[in-house]
Amino acid sequence: LIEIFLPLIDLILKTVLYIVVIRMRKLEVSIK
């Protein structure tokens, strides 16, 4: 089951990491 949802988990994790790192750099980028 983990192999099926691994790409979705990876996408969600990296989206959250991009939001955090971009906000730390004080840049204005949309969540999209």
All heavy atoms as atom14 arrays in JSON, in Angstrom:
{
  "sequence": "LIEIFLPLIDLILKTVLYIVVIRMRKLEVSIK",
  "atom14_mask": [
    [1, 1, 1, 1, 1, 1, 1, 1, 0, 0, 0, 0, 0, 0],
    [1, 1, 1, 1, 1, 1, 1, 1, 0, 0, 0, 0, 0, 0],
    [1, 1, 1, 1, 1, 1, 1, 1, 1, 0, 0, 0, 0, 0],
    [1, 1, 1, 1, 1, 1, 1, 1, 0, 0, 0, 0, 0, 0],
    [1, 1, 1, 1, 1, 1, 1, 1, 1, 1, 1, 0, 0, 0],
    [1, 1, 1, 1, 1, 1, 1, 1, 0, 0, 0, 0, 0, 0],
    [1, 1, 1, 1, 1, 1, 1, 0, 0, 0, 0, 0, 0, 0],
    [1, 1, 1, 1, 1, 1, 1, 1, 0, 0, 0, 0, 0, 0],
    [1, 1, 1, 1, 1, 1, 1, 1, 0, 0, 0, 0, 0, 0],
    [1, 1, 1, 1, 1, 1, 1, 1, 0, 0, 0, 0, 0, 0],
    [1, 1, 1, 1, 1, 1, 1, 1, 0, 0, 0, 0, 0, 0],
    [1, 1, 1, 1, 1, 1, 1, 1, 0, 0, 0, 0, 0, 0],
    [1, 1, 1, 1, 1, 1, 1, 1, 0, 0, 0, 0, 0, 0],
    [1, 1, 1, 1, 1, 1, 1, 1, 1, 0, 0, 0, 0, 0],
    [1, 1, 1, 1, 1, 1, 1, 0, 0, 0, 0, 0, 0, 0],
    [1, 1, 1, 1, 1, 1, 1, 0, 0, 0, 0, 0, 0, 0],
    [1, 1, 1, 1, 1, 1, 1, 1, 0, 0, 0, 0, 0, 0],
    [1, 1, 1, 1, 1, 1, 1, 1, 1, 1, 1, 1, 0, 0],
    [1, 1, 1, 1, 1, 1, 1, 1, 0, 0, 0, 0, 0, 0],
    [1, 1, 1, 1, 1, 1, 1, 0, 0, 0, 0, 0, 0, 0],
    [1, 1, 1, 1, 1, 1, 1, 0, 0, 0, 0, 0, 0, 0],
    [1, 1, 1, 1, 1, 1, 1, 1, 0, 0, 0, 0, 0, 0],
    [1, 1, 1, 1, 1, 1, 1, 1, 1, 1, 1, 0, 0, 0],
    [1, 1, 1, 1, 1, 1, 1, 1, 0, 0, 0, 0, 0, 0],
    [1, 1, 1, 1, 1, 1, 1, 1, 1, 1, 1, 0, 0, 0],
    [1, 1, 1, 1, 1, 1, 1, 1, 1, 0, 0, 0, 0, 0],
    [1, 1, 1, 1, 1, 1, 1, 1, 0, 0, 0, 0, 0, 0],
    [1, 1, 1, 1, 1, 1, 1, 1, 1, 0, 0, 0, 0, 0],
    [1, 1, 1, 1, 1, 1, 1, 0, 0, 0, 0, 0, 0, 0],
    [1, 1, 1, 1, 1, 1, 0, 0, 0, 0, 0, 0, 0, 0],
    [1, 1, 1, 1, 1, 1, 1, 1, 0, 0, 0, 0, 0, 0],
    [1, 1, 1, 1, 1, 1, 1, 1, 1, 0, 0, 0, 0, 0]
  ],
  "atom14_positions": [
    [[0.82, -1.2, 0.0], [0.0, 0.0, 0.0], [0.86, 1.27, 0.0], [0.48, 2.27, -0.6], [-0.94, -0.01, 1.22], [-2.03, 1.05, 1.25], [-2.95, 0.87, 0.05], [-2.82, 0.97, 2.52], [0.0, 0.0, 0.0], [0.0, 0.0, 0.0], [0.0, 0.0, 0.0], [0.0, 0.0, 0.0], [0.0, 0.0, 0.0], [0.0, 0.0, 0.0]],
    [[2.02, 1.21, 0.63], [2.9, 2.38, 0.68], [3.43, 2.7, -0.71], [3.63, 3.87, -1.06], [4.05, 2.16, 1.69], [4.87, 3.44, 1.87], [4.98, 1.07, 1.24], [4.19, 4.49, 2.63], [0.0, 0.0, 0.0], [0.0, 0.0, 0.0], [0.0, 0.0, 0.0], [0.0, 0.0, 0.0], [0.0, 0.0, 0.0], [0.0, 0.0, 0.0]],
    [[3.65, 1.69, -1.55], [4.15, 1.92, -2.9], [3.12, 2.63, -3.77], [3.48, 3.34, -4.7], [4.54, 0.6, -3.54], [5.72, -0.07, -2.87], [6.0, -1.45, -3.43], [5.31, -1.85, -4.38], [6.88, -2.11, -2.89], [0.0, 0.0, 0.0], [0.0, 0.0, 0.0], [0.0, 0.0, 0.0], [0.0, 0.0, 0.0], [0.0, 0.0, 0.0]],
    [[1.86, 2.43, -3.47], [0.8, 3.07, -4.25], [0.71, 4.56, -3.92], [0.6, 5.4, -4.81], [-0.55, 2.37, -3.99], [-0.49, 0.92, -4.48], [-1.69, 3.11, -4.67], [-1.68, 0.1, -4.08], [0.0, 0.0, 0.0], [0.0, 0.0, 0.0], [0.0, 0.0, 0.0], [0.0, 0.0, 0.0], [0.0, 0.0, 0.0], [0.0, 0.0, 0.0]],
    [[0.79, 4.9, -2.65], [0.6, 6.28, -2.23], [1.9, 7.07, -2.08], [1.85, 8.25, -1.71], [-0.18, 6.33, -0.91], [-1.6, 5.91, -1.05], [-2.04, 4.7, -0.55], [-2.5, 6.73, -1.72], [-3.35, 4.31, -0.7], [-3.81, 6.35, -1.87], [-4.24, 5.14, -1.36], [0.0, 0.0, 0.0], [0.0, 0.0, 0.0], [0.0, 0.0, 0.0]],
    [[3.04, 6.47, -2.36], [4.32, 7.15, -2.19], [4.46, 8.4, -3.07], [4.92, 9.43, -2.58], [5.47, 6.18, -2.42], [6.84, 6.64, -1.97], [6.83, 6.91, -0.48], [7.88, 5.61, -2.31], [0.0, 0.0, 0.0], [0.0, 0.0, 0.0], [0.0, 0.0, 0.0], [0.0, 0.0, 0.0], [0.0, 0.0, 0.0], [0.0, 0.0, 0.0]],
    [[4.07, 8.38, -4.35], [4.17, 9.62, -5.14], [3.28, 10.75, -4.6], [3.67, 11.92, -4.61], [3.73, 9.22, -6.54], [3.96, 7.76, -6.59], [3.72, 7.26, -5.21], [0.0, 0.0, 0.0], [0.0, 0.0, 0.0], [0.0, 0.0, 0.0], [0.0, 0.0, 0.0], [0.0, 0.0, 0.0], [0.0, 0.0, 0.0], [0.0, 0.0, 0.0]],
    [[2.1, 10.41, -4.08], [1.22, 11.43, -3.52], [1.79, 11.99, -2.22], [1.76, 13.21, -2.0], [-0.17, 10.84, -3.27], [-1.22, 11.79, -2.69], [-1.49, 12.92, -3.67], [-2.48, 11.05, -2.35], [0.0, 0.0, 0.0], [0.0, 0.0, 0.0], [0.0, 0.0, 0.0], [0.0, 0.0, 0.0], [0.0, 0.0, 0.0], [0.0, 0.0, 0.0]],
    [[2.35, 11.14, -1.39], [2.98, 11.59, -0.15], [4.19, 12.48, -0.47], [4.39, 13.52, 0.17], [3.39, 10.38, 0.72], [2.16, 9.62, 1.19], [4.24, 10.81, 1.9], [2.45, 8.28, 1.82], [0.0, 0.0, 0.0], [0.0, 0.0, 0.0], [0.0, 0.0, 0.0], [0.0, 0.0, 0.0], [0.0, 0.0, 0.0], [0.0, 0.0, 0.0]],
    [[4.96, 12.08, -1.47], [6.12, 12.86, -1.9], [5.69, 14.24, -2.42], [6.31, 15.25, -2.09], [6.88, 12.1, -2.98], [8.15, 12.77, -3.39], [8.83, 13.34, -2.5], [8.5, 12.73, -4.58], [0.0, 0.0, 0.0], [0.0, 0.0, 0.0], [0.0, 0.0, 0.0], [0.0, 0.0, 0.0], [0.0, 0.0, 0.0], [0.0, 0.0, 0.0]],
    [[4.62, 14.29, -3.2], [4.12, 15.57, -3.72], [3.64, 16.48, -2.61], [3.97, 17.69, -2.59], [3.0, 15.31, -4.73], [2.39, 16.54, -5.38], [3.4, 17.17, -6.33], [1.13, 16.17, -6.12], [0.0, 0.0, 0.0], [0.0, 0.0, 0.0], [0.0, 0.0, 0.0], [0.0, 0.0, 0.0], [0.0, 0.0, 0.0], [0.0, 0.0, 0.0]],
    [[2.92, 15.96, -1.66], [2.42, 16.77, -0.55], [3.56, 17.26, 0.33], [3.61, 18.43, 0.71], [1.38, 15.97, 0.27], [0.13, 15.73, -0.56], [1.04, 16.69, 1.56], [-0.84, 14.75, 0.05], [0.0, 0.0, 0.0], [0.0, 0.0, 0.0], [0.0, 0.0, 0.0], [0.0, 0.0, 0.0], [0.0, 0.0, 0.0], [0.0, 0.0, 0.0]],
    [[4.53, 16.38, 0.62], [5.68, 16.76, 1.44], [6.49, 17.87, 0.77], [6.83, 18.87, 1.41], [6.56, 15.54, 1.7], [7.88, 15.83, 2.41], [7.62, 16.24, 3.85], [8.78, 14.62, 2.34], [0.0, 0.0, 0.0], [0.0, 0.0, 0.0], [0.0, 0.0, 0.0], [0.0, 0.0, 0.0], [0.0, 0.0, 0.0], [0.0, 0.0, 0.0]],
    [[6.78, 17.72, -0.52], [7.57, 18.73, -1.2], [6.81, 20.04, -1.37], [7.42, 21.12, -1.33], [8.05, 18.2, -2.55], [9.16, 17.18, -2.4], [9.66, 16.71, -3.72], [10.72, 15.65, -3.53], [11.17, 15.1, -4.8], [0.0, 0.0, 0.0], [0.0, 0.0, 0.0], [0.0, 0.0, 0.0], [0.0, 0.0, 0.0], [0.0, 0.0, 0.0]],
    [[5.49, 19.98, -1.53], [4.71, 21.21, -1.6], [4.8, 21.98, -0.29], [5.03, 23.2, -0.29], [3.23, 20.9, -1.92], [3.15, 20.19, -3.16], [2.41, 22.16, -2.02], [0.0, 0.0, 0.0], [0.0, 0.0, 0.0], [0.0, 0.0, 0.0], [0.0, 0.0, 0.0], [0.0, 0.0, 0.0], [0.0, 0.0, 0.0], [0.0, 0.0, 0.0]],
    [[4.68, 21.28, 0.82], [4.79, 21.94, 2.13], [6.2, 22.48, 2.33], [6.38, 23.61, 2.83], [4.4, 20.95, 3.25], [4.74, 21.51, 4.62], [2.92, 20.61, 3.16], [0.0, 0.0, 0.0], [0.0, 0.0, 0.0], [0.0, 0.0, 0.0], [0.0, 0.0, 0.0], [0.0, 0.0, 0.0], [0.0, 0.0, 0.0], [0.0, 0.0, 0.0]],
    [[7.21, 21.73, 1.92], [8.59, 22.2, 2.06], [8.85, 23.43, 1.19], [9.53, 24.37, 1.62], [9.58, 21.09, 1.71], [9.74, 19.99, 2.74], [10.67, 18.91, 2.22], [10.27, 20.54, 4.05], [0.0, 0.0, 0.0], [0.0, 0.0, 0.0], [0.0, 0.0, 0.0], [0.0, 0.0, 0.0], [0.0, 0.0, 0.0], [0.0, 0.0, 0.0]],
    [[8.32, 23.45, -0.02], [8.47, 24.65, -0.87], [7.8, 25.86, -0.23], [8.36, 26.96, -0.24], [7.9, 24.42, -2.27], [8.89, 23.85, -3.24], [8.77, 22.54, -3.71], [9.94, 24.61, -3.71], [9.67, 22.02, -4.6], [10.86, 24.09, -4.6], [10.71, 22.79, -5.05], [11.63, 22.27, -5.93], [0.0, 0.0, 0.0], [0.0, 0.0, 0.0]],
    [[6.62, 25.67, 0.32], [5.92, 26.78, 0.97], [6.74, 27.3, 2.14], [6.93, 28.52, 2.3], [4.51, 26.34, 1.43], [3.62, 26.09, 0.22], [3.88, 27.38, 2.34], [2.3, 25.42, 0.56], [0.0, 0.0, 0.0], [0.0, 0.0, 0.0], [0.0, 0.0, 0.0], [0.0, 0.0, 0.0], [0.0, 0.0, 0.0], [0.0, 0.0, 0.0]],
    [[7.27, 26.4, 2.97], [8.05, 26.82, 4.15], [9.33, 27.54, 3.75], [9.64, 28.61, 4.26], [8.35, 25.59, 5.05], [9.38, 25.92, 6.1], [7.08, 25.07, 5.68], [0.0, 0.0, 0.0], [0.0, 0.0, 0.0], [0.0, 0.0, 0.0], [0.0, 0.0, 0.0], [0.0, 0.0, 0.0], [0.0, 0.0, 0.0], [0.0, 0.0, 0.0]],
    [[10.08, 26.96, 2.8], [11.36, 27.56, 2.42], [11.15, 28.9, 1.71], [11.88, 29.86, 1.96], [12.16, 26.58, 1.53], [13.38, 27.26, 0.94], [12.57, 25.37, 2.34], [0.0, 0.0, 0.0], [0.0, 0.0, 0.0], [0.0, 0.0, 0.0], [0.0, 0.0, 0.0], [0.0, 0.0, 0.0], [0.0, 0.0, 0.0], [0.0, 0.0, 0.0]],
    [[10.14, 29.0, 0.87], [9.89, 30.27, 0.17], [9.41, 31.33, 1.14], [9.8, 32.5, 1.03], [8.9, 30.04, -0.99], [9.63, 29.29, -2.11], [8.33, 31.33, -1.5], [8.75, 28.88, -3.25], [0.0, 0.0, 0.0], [0.0, 0.0, 0.0], [0.0, 0.0, 0.0], [0.0, 0.0, 0.0], [0.0, 0.0, 0.0], [0.0, 0.0, 0.0]],
    [[8.6, 30.97, 2.11], [8.17, 31.95, 3.13], [9.34, 32.38, 4.01], [9.39, 33.52, 4.45], [7.05, 31.39, 3.99], [5.8, 31.03, 3.26], [5.09, 32.23, 2.72], [3.87, 31.75, 2.06], [3.34, 32.32, 1.02], [3.87, 33.4, 0.51], [2.26, 31.84, 0.46], [0.0, 0.0, 0.0], [0.0, 0.0, 0.0], [0.0, 0.0, 0.0]],
    [[10.29, 31.45, 4.27], [11.46, 31.82, 5.06], [12.33, 32.83, 4.31], [12.95, 33.69, 4.94], [12.3, 30.58, 5.39], [11.71, 29.76, 6.5], [12.6, 28.22, 6.84], [14.29, 28.68, 6.74], [0.0, 0.0, 0.0], [0.0, 0.0, 0.0], [0.0, 0.0, 0.0], [0.0, 0.0, 0.0], [0.0, 0.0, 0.0], [0.0, 0.0, 0.0]],
    [[12.37, 32.75, 2.99], [13.13, 33.71, 2.19], [12.35, 35.0, 1.93], [12.84, 35.89, 1.27], [13.5, 33.09, 0.84], [14.45, 31.93, 0.92], [15.84, 32.33, 1.25], [16.37, 33.22, 0.23], [17.44, 33.96, 0.38], [18.12, 33.91, 1.48], [17.85, 34.75, -0.59], [0.0, 0.0, 0.0], [0.0, 0.0, 0.0], [0.0, 0.0, 0.0]],
    [[11.12, 35.07, 2.48], [10.25, 36.25, 2.36], [9.95, 36.59, 0.9], [9.99, 37.76, 0.5], [10.86, 37.44, 3.09], [10.96, 37.23, 4.58], [11.52, 38.43, 5.27], [11.53, 38.26, 6.76], [12.49, 37.32, 7.27], [0.0, 0.0, 0.0], [0.0, 0.0, 0.0], [0.0, 0.0, 0.0], [0.0, 0.0, 0.0], [0.0, 0.0, 0.0]],
    [[9.63, 35.57, 0.12], [9.24, 35.75, -1.27], [7.74, 35.57, -1.39], [7.12, 34.84, -0.61], [9.95, 34.72, -2.17], [11.47, 34.78, -2.19], [12.01, 33.62, -3.0], [11.95, 36.1, -2.76], [0.0, 0.0, 0.0], [0.0, 0.0, 0.0], [0.0, 0.0, 0.0], [0.0, 0.0, 0.0], [0.0, 0.0, 0.0], [0.0, 0.0, 0.0]],
    [[7.16, 36.23, -2.36], [5.72, 36.12, -2.6], [5.48, 35.18, -3.77], [5.61, 35.57, -4.93], [5.13, 37.5, -2.89], [5.2, 38.45, -1.72], [4.36, 37.98, -0.54], [3.29, 37.39, -0.77], [4.8, 38.19, 0.6], [0.0, 0.0, 0.0], [0.0, 0.0, 0.0], [0.0, 0.0, 0.0], [0.0, 0.0, 0.0], [0.0, 0.0, 0.0]],
    [[5.16, 33.94, -3.46], [4.87, 32.94, -4.47], [3.57, 32.25, -4.07], [3.33, 31.98, -2.89], [6.03, 31.92, -4.58], [5.7, 30.83, -5.57], [7.3, 32.61, -4.98], [0.0, 0.0, 0.0], [0.0, 0.0, 0.0], [0.0, 0.0, 0.0], [0.0, 0.0, 0.0], [0.0, 0.0, 0.0], [0.0, 0.0, 0.0], [0.0, 0.0, 0.0]],
    [[2.73, 31.95, -5.06], [1.44, 31.33, -4.76], [1.62, 29.86, -4.39], [2.64, 29.23, -4.71], [0.52, 31.45, -5.97], [1.02, 30.7, -7.05], [0.0, 0.0, 0.0], [0.0, 0.0, 0.0], [0.0, 0.0, 0.0], [0.0, 0.0, 0.0], [0.0, 0.0, 0.0], [0.0, 0.0, 0.0], [0.0, 0.0, 0.0], [0.0, 0.0, 0.0]],
    [[0.62, 29.33, -3.72], [0.64, 27.92, -3.33], [0.57, 27.04, -4.57], [1.16, 25.95, -4.61], [-0.5, 27.63, -2.34], [-0.27, 28.41, -1.05], [-0.63, 26.14, -2.06], [-1.38, 28.31, -0.06], [0.0, 0.0, 0.0], [0.0, 0.0, 0.0], [0.0, 0.0, 0.0], [0.0, 0.0, 0.0], [0.0, 0.0, 0.0], [0.0, 0.0, 0.0]],
    [[-0.1, 27.53, -5.61], [-0.18, 26.78, -6.86], [1.21, 26.59, -7.47], [1.54, 25.5, -7.95], [-1.1, 27.5, -7.83], [-1.26, 26.82, -9.16], [-2.25, 27.54, -10.04], [-1.56, 28.78, -10.59], [-2.37, 29.47, -11.6], [0.0, 0.0, 0.0], [0.0, 0.0, 0.0], [0.0, 0.0, 0.0], [0.0, 0.0, 0.0], [0.0, 0.0, 0.0]]
  ]
}
